[in-house]
Amino acid sequence: MPLPSANSYFQDGTLQGFGTQGDVRIVQSFDAIHGAHRFEPVRGMNFIVLDDPAKIDGDGARKPAPGDPKPADTRRFTFTPDADGRTTLAADGAILECANVSIQPNQTLWFHWAFTRFDWSPANDFALFAAYHGGHTGGSPTFTCLLAESLQLERQNRWFTEWQAFSWRPNTAFSGTLLWIVSNGISTTIPTPRPGANARPSALLLDCVELS
């Protein structure tokens, strides 16, 4: 089946057609850290934000409210090398999922994304897109793209990206599951996460998910 075209811009104000892990919500605007920038939808009135950087305590650690979803376990998305040439150990975050997606070789998947960091080195929060052929998302993805990592933005003295357009055209027919991930991470040569690796979550913004 295709992406939920009736809700590809999230204009019905729901997440119909998509699954979630962690905090994923529909918004009409979103502020980067320190009010540095206000994001508005690319089209329409709504877009999606993965994770909630505002829900932290005085030390910057997660402080969920009663009834909030449990953060998604993102440890399997650990990657090497990162912007420091090290391993970024993933901890937790949020995931948006769209299952049973069919993409023909002459079709292109499009979406708009933005990333805003709320932490600094050695933290290396990141955003990722992954496509898994078939229904299982626990193994190696068919296609993966690191959209952003906070260390790169920090080196550029930036707290956020602007909206970016992304496209993917598979070489062969694809039938499976799409994931959009935002994760807390930490750049380290130590093989175990350091304390605070899951502090100060960053955010991935998504809009205009469609096939053409």
Protein backbone atom coordinates (compact mmCIF):
# COMPACT_ATOMS: atom_id res chain seq x y z
CA MET A 1 0.00 0.00 0.00
CA PRO A 2 1.21 3.58 -0.54
CA LEU A 3 1.84 6.20 2.07
CA PRO A 4 -1.38 7.59 3.58
CA SER A 5 -1.82 10.26 0.91
CA ALA A 6 -4.90 11.68 2.59
CA ASN A 7 -2.72 12.61 5.55
CA SER A 8 0.71 13.10 3.97
CA TYR A 9 0.86 16.70 5.20
CA PHE A 10 -0.74 15.80 8.58
CA GLN A 11 -3.55 18.23 7.85
CA ASP A 12 -6.23 16.19 9.58
CA GLY A 13 -4.41 16.88 12.85
CA THR A 14 -3.77 13.21 13.61
CA LEU A 15 -1.09 10.58 13.03
CA GLN A 16 -3.45 8.35 11.07
CA GLY A 17 -1.47 5.94 8.91
CA PHE A 18 1.67 6.23 11.04
CA GLY A 19 2.94 4.43 14.13
CA THR A 20 4.98 6.07 16.88
CA GLN A 21 7.45 5.22 19.61
CA GLY A 22 8.26 7.88 22.16
CA ASP A 23 6.93 11.42 22.04
CA VAL A 24 5.61 12.31 18.56
CA ARG A 25 3.09 15.11 18.15
CA ILE A 26 1.31 17.34 15.68
CA VAL A 27 2.13 21.05 16.00
CA GLN A 28 1.52 24.28 14.13
CA SER A 29 4.83 25.86 15.17
CA PHE A 30 7.97 24.94 17.08
CA ASP A 31 10.73 27.04 18.67
CA ALA A 32 14.43 26.24 18.50
CA ILE A 33 16.53 26.71 21.64
CA HIS A 34 16.65 30.20 23.21
CA GLY A 35 13.95 31.33 20.79
CA ALA A 36 16.58 31.40 18.04
CA HIS A 37 14.07 30.44 15.35
CA ARG A 38 10.39 29.59 15.03
CA PHE A 39 9.52 26.81 12.61
CA GLU A 40 6.28 27.00 10.65
CA PRO A 41 4.81 24.30 8.35
CA VAL A 42 6.26 23.92 4.88
CA ARG A 43 2.69 23.58 3.60
CA GLY A 44 -0.69 23.66 5.26
CA MET A 45 -1.13 24.26 8.98
CA ASN A 46 0.48 21.24 10.69
CA PHE A 47 3.72 19.30 10.88
CA ILE A 48 5.23 16.65 13.16
CA VAL A 49 7.81 16.98 15.94
CA LEU A 50 9.65 13.91 17.18
CA ASP A 51 10.68 14.12 20.85
CA ASP A 52 10.18 17.00 23.29
CA PRO A 53 13.27 18.94 24.41
CA ALA A 54 11.16 20.99 26.84
CA LYS A 55 10.48 18.09 29.19
CA ILE A 56 13.70 18.17 31.22
CA ASP A 57 14.62 18.80 34.83
CA GLY A 58 17.15 21.32 36.16
CA ASP A 59 20.05 19.08 35.13
CA GLY A 60 18.75 18.58 31.61
CA ALA A 61 17.61 14.98 32.11
CA ARG A 62 14.25 13.73 30.90
CA LYS A 63 11.29 14.54 33.10
CA PRO A 64 8.19 13.01 31.51
CA ALA A 65 4.75 13.95 32.75
CA PRO A 66 2.36 11.23 33.97
CA GLY A 67 0.89 9.44 30.96
CA ASP A 68 3.67 10.47 28.58
CA PRO A 69 4.90 7.68 26.29
CA LYS A 70 8.12 5.96 27.20
CA PRO A 71 11.08 7.18 25.10
CA ALA A 72 11.92 4.90 22.18
CA ASP A 73 14.94 2.65 22.62
CA THR A 74 17.33 3.80 19.87
CA ARG A 75 20.48 1.94 20.92
CA ARG A 76 20.52 -0.13 17.72
CA PHE A 77 21.16 3.06 15.73
CA THR A 78 24.66 3.58 17.20
CA PHE A 79 26.99 4.57 14.36
CA THR A 80 30.67 5.04 13.45
CA PRO A 81 32.32 7.30 12.52
CA ASP A 82 30.58 10.41 13.74
CA ALA A 83 31.66 14.02 13.24
CA ASP A 84 34.44 13.48 15.81
CA GLY A 85 35.64 10.34 14.03
CA ARG A 86 34.40 8.30 16.96
CA THR A 87 31.36 6.18 17.75
CA THR A 88 28.11 7.90 18.64
CA LEU A 89 26.34 5.70 21.15
CA ALA A 90 22.59 6.09 20.74
CA ALA A 91 20.43 6.05 23.85
CA ASP A 92 16.75 6.94 23.45
CA GLY A 93 14.49 9.25 21.51
CA ALA A 94 11.43 9.05 19.27
CA ILE A 95 10.47 7.16 16.11
CA LEU A 96 7.83 7.69 13.44
CA GLU A 97 6.96 4.57 11.43
CA CYS A 98 5.03 3.90 8.25
CA ALA A 99 4.52 0.20 7.48
CA ASN A 100 3.46 -1.65 4.33
CA VAL A 101 4.82 1.03 2.02
CA SER A 102 5.26 0.14 -1.66
CA ILE A 103 7.59 2.22 -3.84
CA GLN A 104 8.11 1.39 -7.50
CA PRO A 105 11.48 2.06 -9.22
CA ASN A 106 9.97 4.99 -11.12
CA GLN A 107 8.65 6.59 -7.93
CA THR A 108 10.37 8.96 -5.53
CA LEU A 109 9.75 9.34 -1.81
CA TRP A 110 9.84 12.98 -0.70
CA PHE A 111 9.72 14.61 2.69
CA HIS A 112 10.81 17.84 4.35
CA TRP A 113 12.78 17.72 7.58
CA ALA A 114 14.54 20.00 10.04
CA PHE A 115 16.66 19.26 13.10
CA THR A 116 17.24 21.40 16.15
CA ARG A 117 19.74 20.50 18.84
CA PHE A 118 19.42 21.29 22.53
CA ASP A 119 22.76 19.91 23.73
CA TRP A 120 26.52 20.26 23.21
CA SER A 121 29.60 18.01 22.92
CA PRO A 122 30.33 15.28 23.70
CA ALA A 123 26.59 14.79 23.29
CA ASN A 124 25.82 14.01 19.67
CA ASP A 125 22.08 13.85 19.15
CA PHE A 126 21.15 12.88 15.62
CA ALA A 127 18.32 12.37 13.13
CA LEU A 128 18.11 9.39 10.80
CA PHE A 129 15.91 8.02 8.00
CA ALA A 130 15.85 4.26 7.43
CA ALA A 131 13.94 1.95 5.07
CA TYR A 132 13.51 -1.76 5.80
CA HIS A 133 12.43 -4.17 3.09
CA GLY A 134 9.76 -6.45 4.52
CA GLY A 135 8.07 -6.00 7.85
CA HIS A 136 10.99 -6.49 10.27
CA THR A 137 12.87 -3.40 11.49
CA GLY A 138 15.30 -5.03 13.91
CA GLY A 139 18.04 -5.91 11.43
CA SER A 140 20.04 -3.94 8.91
CA PRO A 141 18.05 -1.43 6.86
CA THR A 142 17.83 -1.60 3.09
CA PHE A 143 18.62 2.10 2.96
CA THR A 144 19.71 4.55 5.62
CA CYS A 145 20.64 8.23 5.66
CA LEU A 146 22.01 10.25 8.57
CA LEU A 147 20.11 13.51 8.22
CA ALA A 148 21.88 15.55 10.90
CA GLU A 149 24.11 15.26 13.95
CA SER A 150 24.46 17.92 16.60
CA LEU A 151 28.28 17.92 16.59
CA GLN A 152 28.27 19.17 12.99
CA LEU A 153 25.90 21.99 13.89
CA GLU A 154 27.93 22.88 16.97
CA ARG A 155 31.08 23.25 14.87
CA GLN A 156 29.19 25.64 12.62
CA ASN A 157 27.90 27.63 15.63
CA ARG A 158 24.37 26.63 14.70
CA TRP A 159 21.53 25.31 16.84
CA PHE A 160 19.26 24.14 14.03
CA THR A 161 18.93 23.42 10.34
CA GLU A 162 16.40 25.12 8.12
CA TRP A 163 13.75 22.98 6.46
CA GLN A 164 15.44 20.57 4.04
CA ALA A 165 13.91 18.59 1.16
CA PHE A 166 14.87 14.91 1.01
CA SER A 167 14.24 12.44 -1.80
CA TRP A 168 14.84 8.71 -2.22
CA ARG A 169 14.26 6.68 -5.39
CA PRO A 170 14.93 2.95 -4.88
CA ASN A 171 16.77 1.14 -7.69
CA THR A 172 14.36 -1.78 -7.39
CA ALA A 173 10.80 -2.09 -6.15
CA PHE A 174 10.58 -1.55 -2.40
CA SER A 175 7.95 -2.98 -0.09
CA GLY A 176 8.45 -2.51 3.61
CA THR A 177 8.64 -0.08 6.50
CA LEU A 178 9.96 3.47 6.73
CA LEU A 179 11.37 4.90 9.96
CA TRP A 180 12.24 8.45 10.94
CA ILE A 181 14.36 8.55 14.10
CA VAL A 182 15.66 11.23 16.43
CA SER A 183 18.00 10.06 19.17
CA ASN A 184 20.06 11.22 22.07
CA GLY A 185 23.65 10.19 21.52
CA ILE A 186 27.13 10.72 22.85
CA SER A 187 30.43 10.77 20.93
CA THR A 188 32.88 8.54 22.77
CA THR A 189 35.66 5.98 22.46
CA ILE A 190 34.42 4.28 25.63
CA PRO A 191 32.40 1.13 24.83
CA THR A 192 29.63 1.95 27.33
CA PRO A 193 27.42 5.06 27.52
CA ARG A 194 28.52 7.77 29.89
CA PRO A 195 26.13 9.21 32.50
CA GLY A 196 23.82 11.76 30.94
CA ALA A 197 23.80 10.19 27.48
CA ASN A 198 20.02 10.42 27.48
CA ALA A 199 19.82 14.06 28.64
CA ARG A 200 18.52 17.12 26.79
CA PRO A 201 16.70 15.52 23.85
CA SER A 202 16.81 17.23 20.49
CA ALA A 203 13.98 17.34 17.94
CA LEU A 204 13.33 16.17 14.39
CA LEU A 205 10.63 18.01 12.44
CA LEU A 206 8.81 16.39 9.49
CA ASP A 207 6.36 17.64 6.88
CA CYS A 208 5.12 16.79 3.36
CA VAL A 209 5.75 13.03 3.26
CA GLU A 210 4.64 11.83 -0.18
CA LEU A 211 5.34 9.74 -3.26
CA SER A 212 5.63 11.14 -6.77
